[in-house]
PDB file of N, CA and C in Angstrom:
ATOM      1  N   PRO A   1       0.834  -1.203   0.000  1.00  0.00           N
ATOM      2  CA  PRO A   1       0.000   0.000   0.000  1.00  0.00           C
ATOM      3  C   PRO A   1       0.867   1.251   0.000  1.00  0.00           C
ATOM      4  N   ALA A   2       0.396   2.264  -0.668  1.00  0.00           N
ATOM      5  CA  ALA A   2       1.143   3.514  -0.777  1.00  0.00           C
ATOM      6  C   ALA A   2       0.463   4.591   0.055  1.00  0.00           C
ATOM      7  N   PHE A   3       0.749   4.593   1.343  1.00  0.00           N
ATOM      8  CA  PHE A   3       0.188   5.601   2.233  1.00  0.00           C
ATOM      9  C   PHE A   3       1.018   6.870   2.145  1.00  0.00           C
ATOM     10  N   VAL A   4       0.350   8.009   2.179  1.00  0.00           N
ATOM     11  CA  VAL A   4       1.079   9.265   2.307  1.00  0.00           C
ATOM     12  C   VAL A   4       1.270   9.542   3.792  1.00  0.00           C
ATOM     13  N   ILE A   5       0.209   9.375   4.556  1.00  0.00           N
ATOM     14  CA  ILE A   5       0.312   9.490   6.011  1.00  0.00           C
ATOM     15  C   ILE A   5       0.306   8.067   6.558  1.00  0.00           C
ATOM     16  N   VAL A   6       1.356   7.740   7.259  1.00  0.00           N
ATOM     17  CA  VAL A   6       1.519   6.398   7.816  1.00  0.00           C
ATOM     18  C   VAL A   6       0.477   6.204   8.918  1.00  0.00           C
ATOM     19  N   PRO A   7      -0.067   4.999   9.062  1.00  0.00           N
ATOM     20  CA  PRO A   7      -1.004   4.763  10.172  1.00  0.00           C
ATOM     21  C   PRO A   7      -0.377   5.184  11.507  1.00  0.00           C
ATOM     22  N   ILE A   8      -1.185   5.779  12.353  1.00  0.00           N
ATOM     23  CA  ILE A   8      -0.673   6.360  13.597  1.00  0.00           C
ATOM     24  C   ILE A   8      -1.308   5.697  14.812  1.00  0.00           C
ATOM     25  N   ASP A   9      -0.628   5.826  15.929  1.00  0.00           N
ATOM     26  CA  ASP A   9      -1.199   5.451  17.216  1.00  0.00           C
ATOM     27  C   ASP A   9      -1.842   6.691  17.796  1.00  0.00           C
ATOM     28  N   ALA A  10      -3.101   6.562  18.167  1.00  0.00           N
ATOM     29  CA  ALA A  10      -3.791   7.720  18.744  1.00  0.00           C
ATOM     30  C   ALA A  10      -4.756   7.229  19.812  1.00  0.00           C
ATOM     31  N   THR A  11      -4.932   8.071  20.820  1.00  0.00           N
ATOM     32  CA  THR A  11      -5.892   7.792  21.881  1.00  0.00           C
ATOM     33  C   THR A  11      -6.800   9.004  22.011  1.00  0.00           C
ATOM     34  N   LEU A  12      -8.078   8.762  21.921  1.00  0.00           N
ATOM     35  CA  LEU A  12      -9.063   9.831  22.066  1.00  0.00           C
ATOM     36  C   LEU A  12      -9.831   9.590  23.350  1.00  0.00           C
ATOM     37  N   ARG A  13      -9.842  10.575  24.216  1.00  0.00           N
ATOM     38  CA  ARG A  13     -10.605  10.491  25.461  1.00  0.00           C
ATOM     39  C   ARG A  13     -11.725  11.515  25.391  1.00  0.00           C
ATOM     40  N   LEU A  14     -12.927  11.051  25.653  1.00  0.00           N
ATOM     41  CA  LEU A  14     -14.097  11.909  25.588  1.00  0.00           C
ATOM     42  C   LEU A  14     -14.800  11.867  26.932  1.00  0.00           C
ATOM     43  N   LYS A  15     -14.990  13.024  27.548  1.00  0.00           N
ATOM     44  CA  LYS A  15     -15.724  13.128  28.814  1.00  0.00           C
ATOM     45  C   LYS A  15     -17.010  13.887  28.530  1.00  0.00           C
ATOM     46  N   MET A  16     -18.090  13.380  29.079  1.00  0.00           N
ATOM     47  CA  MET A  16     -19.376  14.017  28.861  1.00  0.00           C
ATOM     48  C   MET A  16     -19.898  14.560  30.190  1.00  0.00           C
ATOM     49  N   ASN A  17     -20.352  15.794  30.176  1.00  0.00           N
ATOM     50  CA  ASN A  17     -20.931  16.416  31.356  1.00  0.00           C
ATOM     51  C   ASN A  17     -22.379  15.941  31.460  1.00  0.00           C
ATOM     52  N   LYS A  18     -22.682  15.120  32.468  1.00  0.00           N
ATOM     53  CA  LYS A  18     -24.015  14.518  32.595  1.00  0.00           C
ATOM     54  C   LYS A  18     -24.899  15.232  33.603  1.00  0.00           C
ATOM     55  N   SER A  19     -24.544  16.421  34.013  1.00  0.00           N
ATOM     56  CA  SER A  19     -25.349  17.113  35.025  1.00  0.00           C
ATOM     57  C   SER A  19     -26.726  17.462  34.471  1.00  0.00           C
ATOM     58  N   ASP A  20     -27.718  17.497  35.388  1.00  0.00           N
ATOM     59  CA  ASP A  20     -29.099  17.786  34.977  1.00  0.00           C
ATOM     60  C   ASP A  20     -29.276  19.239  34.548  1.00  0.00           C
ATOM     61  N   ALA A  21     -28.607  20.160  35.243  1.00  0.00           N
ATOM     62  CA  ALA A  21     -28.690  21.587  34.911  1.00  0.00           C
ATOM     63  C   ALA A  21     -27.345  22.011  34.349  1.00  0.00           C
ATOM     64  N   PRO A  22     -27.170  21.926  33.025  1.00  0.00           N
ATOM     65  CA  PRO A  22     -25.853  22.255  32.456  1.00  0.00           C
ATOM     66  C   PRO A  22     -25.510  23.731  32.633  1.00  0.00           C
ATOM     67  N   ASP A  23     -24.273  23.956  33.005  1.00  0.00           N
ATOM     68  CA  ASP A  23     -23.747  25.314  33.167  1.00  0.00           C
ATOM     69  C   ASP A  23     -23.182  25.763  31.818  1.00  0.00           C
ATOM     70  N   PRO A  24     -23.563  26.957  31.323  1.00  0.00           N
ATOM     71  CA  PRO A  24     -23.036  27.405  30.034  1.00  0.00           C
ATOM     72  C   PRO A  24     -21.516  27.598  30.036  1.00  0.00           C
ATOM     73  N   GLN A  25     -20.913  27.727  31.207  1.00  0.00           N
ATOM     74  CA  GLN A  25     -19.470  27.906  31.305  1.00  0.00           C
ATOM     75  C   GLN A  25     -18.716  26.574  31.248  1.00  0.00           C
ATOM     76  N   VAL A  26     -19.415  25.473  31.491  1.00  0.00           N
ATOM     77  CA  VAL A  26     -18.792  24.151  31.491  1.00  0.00           C
ATOM     78  C   VAL A  26     -19.199  23.451  30.195  1.00  0.00           C
ATOM     79  N   PRO A  27     -18.233  22.965  29.442  1.00  0.00           N
ATOM     80  CA  PRO A  27     -18.577  22.324  28.174  1.00  0.00           C
ATOM     81  C   PRO A  27     -19.337  21.010  28.379  1.00  0.00           C
ATOM     82  N   LYS A  28     -20.222  20.705  27.439  1.00  0.00           N
ATOM     83  CA  LYS A  28     -20.982  19.455  27.493  1.00  0.00           C
ATOM     84  C   LYS A  28     -20.051  18.265  27.226  1.00  0.00           C
ATOM     85  N   TYR A  29     -19.120  18.434  26.307  1.00  0.00           N
ATOM     86  CA  TYR A  29     -18.157  17.392  25.975  1.00  0.00           C
ATOM     87  C   TYR A  29     -16.746  17.951  26.120  1.00  0.00           C
ATOM     88  N   ASP A  30     -15.850  17.120  26.634  1.00  0.00           N
ATOM     89  CA  ASP A  30     -14.446  17.487  26.741  1.00  0.00           C
ATOM     90  C   ASP A  30     -13.649  16.364  26.081  1.00  0.00           C
ATOM     91  N   ALA A  31     -12.924  16.690  25.033  1.00  0.00           N
ATOM     92  CA  ALA A  31     -12.187  15.674  24.299  1.00  0.00           C
ATOM     93  C   ALA A  31     -10.699  15.984  24.348  1.00  0.00           C
ATOM     94  N   SER A  32      -9.900  14.934  24.434  1.00  0.00           N
ATOM     95  CA  SER A  32      -8.453  15.092  24.333  1.00  0.00           C
ATOM     96  C   SER A  32      -7.930  14.007  23.395  1.00  0.00           C
ATOM     97  N   LEU A  33      -7.029  14.419  22.536  1.00  0.00           N
ATOM     98  CA  LEU A  33      -6.450  13.509  21.550  1.00  0.00           C
ATOM     99  C   LEU A  33      -4.955  13.439  21.802  1.00  0.00           C
ATOM    100  N   ASP A  34      -4.447  12.223  21.956  1.00  0.00           N
ATOM    101  CA  ASP A  34      -3.025  12.002  22.184  1.00  0.00           C
ATOM    102  C   ASP A  34      -2.481  11.195  21.013  1.00  0.00           C
ATOM    103  N   MET A  35      -1.552  11.818  20.268  1.00  0.00           N
ATOM    104  CA  MET A  35      -0.925  11.115  19.147  1.00  0.00           C
ATOM    105  C   MET A  35       0.563  11.039  19.423  1.00  0.00           C
ATOM    106  N   SER A  36       1.090   9.826  19.363  1.00  0.00           N
ATOM    107  CA  SER A  36       2.503   9.659  19.672  1.00  0.00           C
ATOM    108  C   SER A  36       3.388  10.164  18.533  1.00  0.00           C
ATOM    109  N   ARG A  37       2.973   9.932  17.272  1.00  0.00           N
ATOM    110  CA  ARG A  37       3.769  10.410  16.150  1.00  0.00           C
ATOM    111  C   ARG A  37       2.895  10.461  14.907  1.00  0.00           C
ATOM    112  N   VAL A  38       3.263  11.342  14.034  1.00  0.00           N
ATOM    113  CA  VAL A  38       2.636  11.436  12.726  1.00  0.00           C
ATOM    114  C   VAL A  38       3.778  11.441  11.717  1.00  0.00           C
ATOM    115  N   ALA A  39       3.743  10.528  10.787  1.00  0.00           N
ATOM    116  CA  ALA A  39       4.829  10.418   9.817  1.00  0.00           C
ATOM    117  C   ALA A  39       4.250  10.394   8.410  1.00  0.00           C
ATOM    118  N   LEU A  40       5.019  10.933   7.498  1.00  0.00           N
ATOM    119  CA  LEU A  40       4.666  10.885   6.089  1.00  0.00           C
ATOM    120  C   LEU A  40       5.606   9.914   5.397  1.00  0.00           C
ATOM    121  N   ARG A  41       5.064   9.154   4.493  1.00  0.00           N
ATOM    122  CA  ARG A  41       5.897   8.221   3.742  1.00  0.00           C
ATOM    123  C   ARG A  41       5.453   8.281   2.290  1.00  0.00           C
ATOM    124  N   LEU A  42       6.397   8.564   1.417  1.00  0.00           N
ATOM    125  CA  LEU A  42       6.114   8.641  -0.005  1.00  0.00           C
ATOM    126  C   LEU A  42       6.891   7.552  -0.737  1.00  0.00           C
ATOM    127  N   SER A  43       6.236   6.965  -1.705  1.00  0.00           N
ATOM    128  CA  SER A  43       6.964   6.035  -2.573  1.00  0.00           C
ATOM    129  C   SER A  43       7.778   6.863  -3.564  1.00  0.00           C
ATOM    130  N   LYS A  44       8.645   6.204  -4.311  1.00  0.00           N
ATOM    131  CA  LYS A  44       9.453   6.929  -5.297  1.00  0.00           C
ATOM    132  C   LYS A  44       8.576   7.628  -6.324  1.00  0.00           C
ATOM    133  N   SER A  45       7.529   6.965  -6.769  1.00  0.00           N
ATOM    134  CA  SER A  45       6.659   7.573  -7.783  1.00  0.00           C
ATOM    135  C   SER A  45       5.885   8.759  -7.202  1.00  0.00           C
ATOM    136  N   GLN A  46       5.445   8.666  -5.936  1.00  0.00           N
ATOM    137  CA  GLN A  46       4.753   9.795  -5.308  1.00  0.00           C
ATOM    138  C   GLN A  46       5.695  10.980  -5.141  1.00  0.00           C
ATOM    139  N   TYR A  47       6.932  10.699  -4.739  1.00  0.00           N
ATOM    140  CA  TYR A  47       7.926  11.758  -4.581  1.00  0.00           C
ATOM    141  C   TYR A  47       8.205  12.423  -5.927  1.00  0.00           C
ATOM    142  N   ARG A  48       8.370  11.620  -6.958  1.00  0.00           N
ATOM    143  CA  ARG A  48       8.624  12.148  -8.299  1.00  0.00           C
ATOM    144  C   ARG A  48       7.443  12.986  -8.781  1.00  0.00           C
ATOM    145  N   ASP A  49       6.217  12.511  -8.519  1.00  0.00           N
ATOM    146  CA  ASP A  49       5.025  13.261  -8.912  1.00  0.00           C
ATOM    147  C   ASP A  49       4.918  14.583  -8.158  1.00  0.00           C
ATOM    148  N   ALA A  50       5.294  14.593  -6.882  1.00  0.00           N
ATOM    149  CA  ALA A  50       5.266  15.834  -6.107  1.00  0.00           C
ATOM    150  C   ALA A  50       6.272  16.835  -6.669  1.00  0.00           C
ATOM    151  N   LEU A  51       7.460  16.353  -7.040  1.00  0.00           N
ATOM    152  CA  LEU A  51       8.456  17.247  -7.643  1.00  0.00           C
ATOM    153  C   LEU A  51       7.973  17.783  -8.991  1.00  0.00           C
ATOM    154  N   ARG A  52       7.331  16.940  -9.767  1.00  0.00           N
ATOM    155  CA  ARG A  52       6.788  17.387 -11.055  1.00  0.00           C
ATOM    156  C   ARG A  52       5.713  18.441 -10.857  1.00  0.00           C
ATOM    157  N   LEU A  53       4.873  18.254  -9.837  1.00  0.00           N
ATOM    158  CA  LEU A  53       3.830  19.242  -9.550  1.00  0.00           C
ATOM    159  C   LEU A  53       4.447  20.581  -9.174  1.00  0.00           C
ATOM    160  N   LEU A  54       5.465  20.558  -8.322  1.00  0.00           N
ATOM    161  CA  LEU A  54       6.133  21.802  -7.940  1.00  0.00           C
ATOM    162  C   LEU A  54       6.790  22.469  -9.145  1.00  0.00           C
ATOM    163  N   ASP A  55       7.387  21.672 -10.007  1.00  0.00           N
ATOM    164  CA  ASP A  55       7.999  22.196 -11.218  1.00  0.00           C
ATOM    165  C   ASP A  55       6.941  22.826 -12.125  1.00  0.00           C
ATOM    166  N   PHE A  56       5.809  22.143 -12.282  1.00  0.00           N
ATOM    167  CA  PHE A  56       4.715  22.669 -13.105  1.00  0.00           C
ATOM    168  C   PHE A  56       4.206  23.994 -12.539  1.00  0.00           C
ATOM    169  N   LEU A  57       4.013  24.040 -11.227  1.00  0.00           N
ATOM    170  CA  LEU A  57       3.506  25.272 -10.617  1.00  0.00           C
ATOM    171  C   LEU A  57       4.493  26.420 -10.788  1.00  0.00           C
ATOM    172  N   GLY A  58       5.784  26.135 -10.682  1.00  0.00           N
ATOM    173  CA  GLY A  58       6.793  27.170 -10.895  1.00  0.00           C
ATOM    174  C   GLY A  58       6.778  27.674 -12.326  1.00  0.00           C
ATOM    175  N   ASN A  59       6.682  26.749 -13.280  1.00  0.00           N
ATOM    176  CA  ASN A  59       6.617  27.149 -14.686  1.00  0.00           C
ATOM    177  C   ASN A  59       5.344  27.933 -14.968  1.00  0.00           C
ATOM    178  N   HIS A  60       4.234  27.490 -14.404  1.00  0.00           N
ATOM    179  CA  HIS A  60       2.964  28.174 -14.615  1.00  0.00           C
ATOM    180  C   HIS A  60       3.028  29.601 -14.072  1.00  0.00           C
ATOM    181  N   GLU A  61       3.622  29.760 -12.901  1.00  0.00           N
ATOM    182  CA  GLU A  61       3.760  31.101 -12.300  1.00  0.00           C
ATOM    183  C   GLU A  61       4.597  31.993 -13.201  1.00  0.00           C
ATOM    184  N   ARG A  62       5.664  31.449 -13.761  1.00  0.00           N
ATOM    185  CA  ARG A  62       6.525  32.226 -14.652  1.00  0.00           C
ATOM    186  C   ARG A  62       5.780  32.613 -15.932  1.00  0.00           C
ATOM    187  N   ILE A  63       5.008  31.686 -16.482  1.00  0.00           N
ATOM    188  CA  ILE A  63       4.233  31.973 -17.691  1.00  0.00           C
ATOM    189  C   ILE A  63       3.229  33.086 -17.422  1.00  0.00           C
ATOM    190  N   ILE A  64       2.551  33.014 -16.303  1.00  0.00           N
ATOM    191  CA  ILE A  64       1.567  34.051 -15.949  1.00  0.00           C
ATOM    192  C   ILE A  64       2.268  35.392 -15.744  1.00  0.00           C
ATOM    193  N   ARG A  65       3.417  35.375 -15.064  1.00  0.00           N
ATOM    194  CA  ARG A  65       4.134  36.614 -14.758  1.00  0.00           C
ATOM    195  C   ARG A  65       4.555  37.345 -16.030  1.00  0.00           C
ATOM    196  N   PHE A  66       4.972  36.623 -17.049  1.00  0.00           N
ATOM    197  CA  PHE A  66       5.480  37.258 -18.263  1.00  0.00           C
ATOM    198  C   PHE A  66       4.458  37.325 -19.396  1.00  0.00           C
ATOM    199  N   SER A  67       3.230  36.896 -19.143  1.00  0.00           N
ATOM    200  CA  SER A  67       2.226  36.895 -20.213  1.00  0.00           C
ATOM    201  C   SER A  67       1.912  38.307 -20.707  1.00  0.00           C
ATOM    202  N   GLN A  68       2.116  39.321 -19.861  1.00  0.00           N
ATOM    203  CA  GLN A  68       1.852  40.699 -20.276  1.00  0.00           C
ATOM    204  C   GLN A  68       2.771  41.148 -21.405  1.00  0.00           C
ATOM    205  N   PHE A  69       3.948  40.527 -21.524  1.00  0.00           N
ATOM    206  CA  PHE A  69       4.905  40.916 -22.555  1.00  0.00           C
ATOM    207  C   PHE A  69       4.853  40.006 -23.786  1.00  0.00           C
ATOM    208  N   ARG A  70       4.143  38.892 -23.667  1.00  0.00           N
ATOM    209  CA  ARG A  70       4.169  37.855 -24.710  1.00  0.00           C
ATOM    210  C   ARG A  70       3.515  38.341 -26.006  1.00  0.00           C
ATOM    211  N   PRO A  71       4.212  38.191 -27.144  1.00  0.00           N
ATOM    212  CA  PRO A  71       3.624  38.588 -28.420  1.00  0.00           C
ATOM    213  C   PRO A  71       2.505  37.631 -28.839  1.00  0.00           C
ATOM    214  N   GLY A  72       1.576  38.139 -29.616  1.00  0.00           N
ATOM    215  CA  GLY A  72       0.445  37.327 -30.044  1.00  0.00           C
ATOM    216  C   GLY A  72       0.651  36.660 -31.388  1.00  0.00           C
ATOM    217  N   VAL A  73       1.883  36.566 -31.836  1.00  0.00           N
ATOM    218  CA  VAL A  73       2.179  35.949 -33.132  1.00  0.00           C
ATOM    219  C   VAL A  73       3.177  34.822 -32.938  1.00  0.00           C
ATOM    220  N   PRO A  74       3.191  33.831 -33.849  1.00  0.00           N
ATOM    221  CA  PRO A  74       4.184  32.752 -33.745  1.00  0.00           C
ATOM    222  C   PRO A  74       5.607  33.276 -33.946  1.00  0.00           C
ATOM    223  N   VAL A  75       6.565  32.551 -33.450  1.00  0.00           N
ATOM    224  CA  VAL A  75       7.980  32.946 -33.517  1.00  0.00           C
ATOM    225  C   VAL A  75       8.429  33.138 -34.964  1.00  0.00           C
ATOM    226  N   LEU A  76       8.033  32.224 -35.852  1.00  0.00           N
ATOM    227  CA  LEU A  76       8.494  32.304 -37.239  1.00  0.00           C
ATOM    228  C   LEU A  76       7.898  33.502 -37.989  1.00  0.00           C
ATOM    229  N   GLU A  77       6.737  33.975 -37.538  1.00  0.00           N
ATOM    230  CA  GLU A  77       6.123  35.138 -38.192  1.00  0.00           C
ATOM    231  C   GLU A  77       6.832  36.438 -37.838  1.00  0.00           C
ATOM    232  N   ASP A  78       7.215  36.570 -36.565  1.00  0.00           N
ATOM    233  CA  ASP A  78       7.818  37.829 -36.120  1.00  0.00           C
ATOM    234  C   ASP A  78       8.909  37.558 -35.078  1.00  0.00           C
ATOM    235  N   PRO A  79      10.082  37.140 -35.523  1.00  0.00           N
ATOM    236  CA  PRO A  79      11.159  36.849 -34.569  1.00  0.00           C
ATOM    237  C   PRO A  79      11.567  38.072 -33.752  1.00  0.00           C
ATOM    238  N   LEU A  80      11.490  39.259 -34.356  1.00  0.00           N
ATOM    239  CA  LEU A  80      11.870  40.476 -33.637  1.00  0.00           C
ATOM    240  C   LEU A  80      10.967  40.697 -32.425  1.00  0.00           C
ATOM    241  N   ALA A  81       9.682  40.429 -32.568  1.00  0.00           N
ATOM    242  CA  ALA A  81       8.753  40.580 -31.438  1.00  0.00           C
ATOM    243  C   ALA A  81       9.139  39.627 -30.305  1.00  0.00           C
ATOM    244  N   TRP A  82       9.592  38.421 -30.643  1.00  0.00           N
ATOM    245  CA  TRP A  82       9.982  37.466 -29.621  1.00  0.00           C
ATOM    246  C   TRP A  82      11.303  37.848 -28.960  1.00  0.00           C
ATOM    247  N   TRP A  83      12.236  38.430 -29.707  1.00  0.00           N
ATOM    248  CA  TRP A  83      13.468  38.935 -29.091  1.00  0.00           C
ATOM    249  C   TRP A  83      13.142  40.099 -28.160  1.00  0.00           C
ATOM    250  N   THR A  84      12.223  40.941 -28.580  1.00  0.00           N
ATOM    251  CA  THR A  84      11.787  42.059 -27.730  1.00  0.00           C
ATOM    252  C   THR A  84      11.133  41.515 -26.458  1.00  0.00           C
ATOM    253  N   PHE A  85      10.334  40.462 -26.607  1.00  0.00           N
ATOM    254  CA  PHE A  85       9.701  39.805 -25.459  1.00  0.00           C
ATOM    255  C   PHE A  85      10.760  39.321 -24.463  1.00  0.00           C
ATOM    256  N   ALA A  86      11.796  38.650 -24.963  1.00  0.00           N
ATOM    257  CA  ALA A  86      12.855  38.135 -24.084  1.00  0.00           C
ATOM    258  C   ALA A  86      13.565  39.273 -23.358  1.00  0.00           C
ATOM    259  N   ILE A  87      13.859  40.352 -24.074  1.00  0.00           N
ATOM    260  CA  ILE A  87      14.553  41.488 -23.464  1.00  0.00           C
ATOM    261  C   ILE A  87      13.673  42.153 -22.408  1.00  0.00           C
ATOM    262  N   LYS A  88      12.378  42.305 -22.701  1.00  0.00           N
ATOM    263  CA  LYS A  88      11.455  42.914 -21.721  1.00  0.00           C
ATOM    264  C   LYS A  88      11.354  42.058 -20.461  1.00  0.00           C
ATOM    265  N   CYS A  89      11.328  40.739 -20.625  1.00  0.00           N
ATOM    266  CA  CYS A  89      11.249  39.846 -19.462  1.00  0.00           C
ATOM    267  C   CYS A  89      12.489  39.986 -18.577  1.00  0.00           C
ATOM    268  N   LEU A  90      13.650  40.009 -19.206  1.00  0.00           N
ATOM    269  CA  LEU A  90      14.892  40.165 -18.440  1.00  0.00           C
ATOM    270  C   LEU A  90      14.957  41.525 -17.753  1.00  0.00           C
ATOM    271  N   ALA A  91      14.535  42.573 -18.458  1.00  0.00           N
ATOM    272  CA  ALA A  91      14.546  43.915 -17.870  1.00  0.00           C
ATOM    273  C   ALA A  91      13.572  43.988 -16.701  1.00  0.00           C
ATOM    274  N   TRP A  92      12.403  43.370 -16.849  1.00  0.00           N
ATOM    275  CA  TRP A  92      11.414  43.386 -15.773  1.00  0.00           C
ATOM    276  C   TRP A  92      11.946  42.649 -14.542  1.00  0.00           C
ATOM    277  N   GLU A  93      12.585  41.489 -14.744  1.00  0.00           N
ATOM    278  CA  GLU A  93      13.162  40.746 -13.615  1.00  0.00           C
ATOM    279  C   GLU A  93      14.242  41.556 -12.911  1.00  0.00           C
ATOM    280  N   ARG A  94      15.058  42.228 -13.687  1.00  0.00           N
ATOM    281  CA  ARG A  94      16.119  43.044 -13.088  1.00  0.00           C
ATOM    282  C   ARG A  94      15.516  44.195 -12.284  1.00  0.00           C
ATOM    283  N   GLU A  95      14.479  44.809 -12.824  1.00  0.00           N
ATOM    284  CA  GLU A  95      13.808  45.912 -12.109  1.00  0.00           C
ATOM    285  C   GLU A  95      13.209  45.413 -10.797  1.00  0.00           C
ATOM    286  N   GLN A  96      12.581  44.236 -10.824  1.00  0.00           N
ATOM    287  CA  GLN A  96      11.996  43.675  -9.604  1.00  0.00           C
ATOM    288  C   GLN A  96      13.073  43.356  -8.573  1.00  0.00           C
ATOM    289  N   MET A  97      14.231  42.862  -9.041  1.00  0.00           N
ATOM    290  CA  MET A  97      15.321  42.553  -8.128  1.00  0.00           C
ATOM    291  C   MET A  97      15.834  43.837  -7.467  1.00  0.00           C
ATOM    292  N   HIS A  98      15.933  44.905  -8.230  1.00  0.00           N
ATOM    293  CA  HIS A  98      16.390  46.177  -7.661  1.00  0.00           C
ATOM    294  C   HIS A  98      15.384  46.719  -6.655  1.00  0.00           C
ATOM    295  N   LYS A  99      14.104  46.508  -6.899  1.00  0.00           N
ATOM    296  CA  LYS A  99      13.094  46.948  -5.934  1.00  0.00           C
ATOM    297  C   LYS A  99      13.223  46.186  -4.623  1.00  0.00           C
ATOM    298  N   ARG A 100      13.498  44.873  -4.719  1.00  0.00           N
ATOM    299  CA  ARG A 100      13.616  44.051  -3.515  1.00  0.00           C
ATOM    300  C   ARG A 100      14.892  44.321  -2.746  1.00  0.00           C
ATOM    301  N   PHE A 101      15.976  44.618  -3.459  1.00  0.00           N
ATOM    302  CA  PHE A 101      17.271  44.772  -2.814  1.00  0.00           C
ATOM    303  C   PHE A 101      17.774  46.205  -2.915  1.00  0.00           C
ATOM    304  N   ASN A 102      16.940  47.141  -2.492  1.00  0.00           N
ATOM    305  CA  ASN A 102      17.406  48.521  -2.464  1.00  0.00           C
ATOM    306  C   ASN A 102      18.280  48.714  -1.220  1.00  0.00           C
ATOM    307  N   HIS A 103      18.784  49.910  -1.050  1.00  0.00           N
ATOM    308  CA  HIS A 103      19.717  50.183   0.041  1.00  0.00           C
ATOM    309  C   HIS A 103      19.089  49.902   1.407  1.00  0.00           C
ATOM    310  N   ALA A 104      17.857  50.338   1.610  1.00  0.00           N
ATOM    311  CA  ALA A 104      17.205  50.145   2.913  1.00  0.00           C
ATOM    312  C   ALA A 104      17.022  48.656   3.214  1.00  0.00           C
ATOM    313  N   ALA A 105      16.679  47.878   2.201  1.00  0.00           N
ATOM    314  CA  ALA A 105      16.498  46.443   2.415  1.00  0.00           C
ATOM    315  C   ALA A 105      17.817  45.772   2.767  1.00  0.00           C
ATOM    316  N   LEU A 106      18.885  46.186   2.130  1.00  0.00           N
ATOM    317  CA  LEU A 106      20.193  45.608   2.445  1.00  0.00           C
ATOM    318  C   LEU A 106      20.641  45.974   3.857  1.00  0.00           C
ATOM    319  N   VAL A 107      20.370  47.204   4.284  1.00  0.00           N
ATOM    320  CA  VAL A 107      20.718  47.615   5.649  1.00  0.00           C
ATOM    321  C   VAL A 107      19.956  46.754   6.653  1.00  0.00           C
ATOM    322  N   ARG A 108      18.650  46.519   6.411  1.00  0.00           N
ATOM    323  CA  ARG A 108      17.857  45.661   7.302  1.00  0.00           C
ATOM    324  C   ARG A 108      18.414  44.249   7.322  1.00  0.00           C
ATOM    325  N   LEU A 109      18.801  43.736   6.168  1.00  0.00           N
ATOM    326  CA  LEU A 109      19.353  42.387   6.089  1.00  0.00           C
ATOM    327  C   LEU A 109      20.655  42.277   6.877  1.00  0.00           C
ATOM    328  N   ILE A 110      21.515  43.275   6.769  1.00  0.00           N
ATOM    329  CA  ILE A 110      22.780  43.265   7.490  1.00  0.00           C
ATOM    330  C   ILE A 110      22.528  43.331   9.004  1.00  0.00           C
ATOM    331  N   ARG A 111      21.577  44.187   9.408  1.00  0.00           N
ATOM    332  CA  ARG A 111      21.243  44.266  10.844  1.00  0.00           C
ATOM    333  C   ARG A 111      20.719  42.937  11.352  1.00  0.00           C
ATOM    334  N   TYR A 112      19.872  42.307  10.570  1.00  0.00           N
ATOM    335  CA  TYR A 112      19.310  41.018  10.960  1.00  0.00           C
ATOM    336  C   TYR A 112      20.396  39.958  11.062  1.00  0.00           C
ATOM    337  N   ALA A 113      21.347  39.988  10.138  1.00  0.00           N
ATOM    338  CA  ALA A 113      22.433  39.003  10.138  1.00  0.00           C
ATOM    339  C   ALA A 113      23.326  39.169  11.372  1.00  0.00           C
ATOM    340  N   LYS A 114      23.455  40.397  11.871  1.00  0.00           N
ATOM    341  CA  LYS A 114      24.280  40.629  13.053  1.00  0.00           C
ATOM    342  C   LYS A 114      23.620  40.127  14.320  1.00  0.00           C
ATOM    343  N   LEU A 115      22.302  39.953  14.327  1.00  0.00           N
ATOM    344  CA  LEU A 115      21.613  39.456  15.529  1.00  0.00           C
ATOM    345  C   LEU A 115      21.986  38.043  15.723  1.00  0.00           C
TER     346      LEU A 115
END
């Protein structure tokens, strides 16, 4: 069997308040769950599929991020538009990197590293 979550040992204790006049401050049921361990186990194929999913999501995010620059024509019809697309994508990434790593951000990072 290919379990993702391995069978666990657990103990559930349930106490019921049986008083005739229940107090709104006292719960009707009191439950406690004791689990000794929770483990995940993946087969090789499950692990490979999880990596493929992460790869797909990363590629999908990149496609969405750069779709604003993407030309609406095939590469063979207008190669110049596709070269312009590549240059715009690189310029946009560089601009975003500069926004993230401005002087103030680097000063904060250095202060944090000294802690």
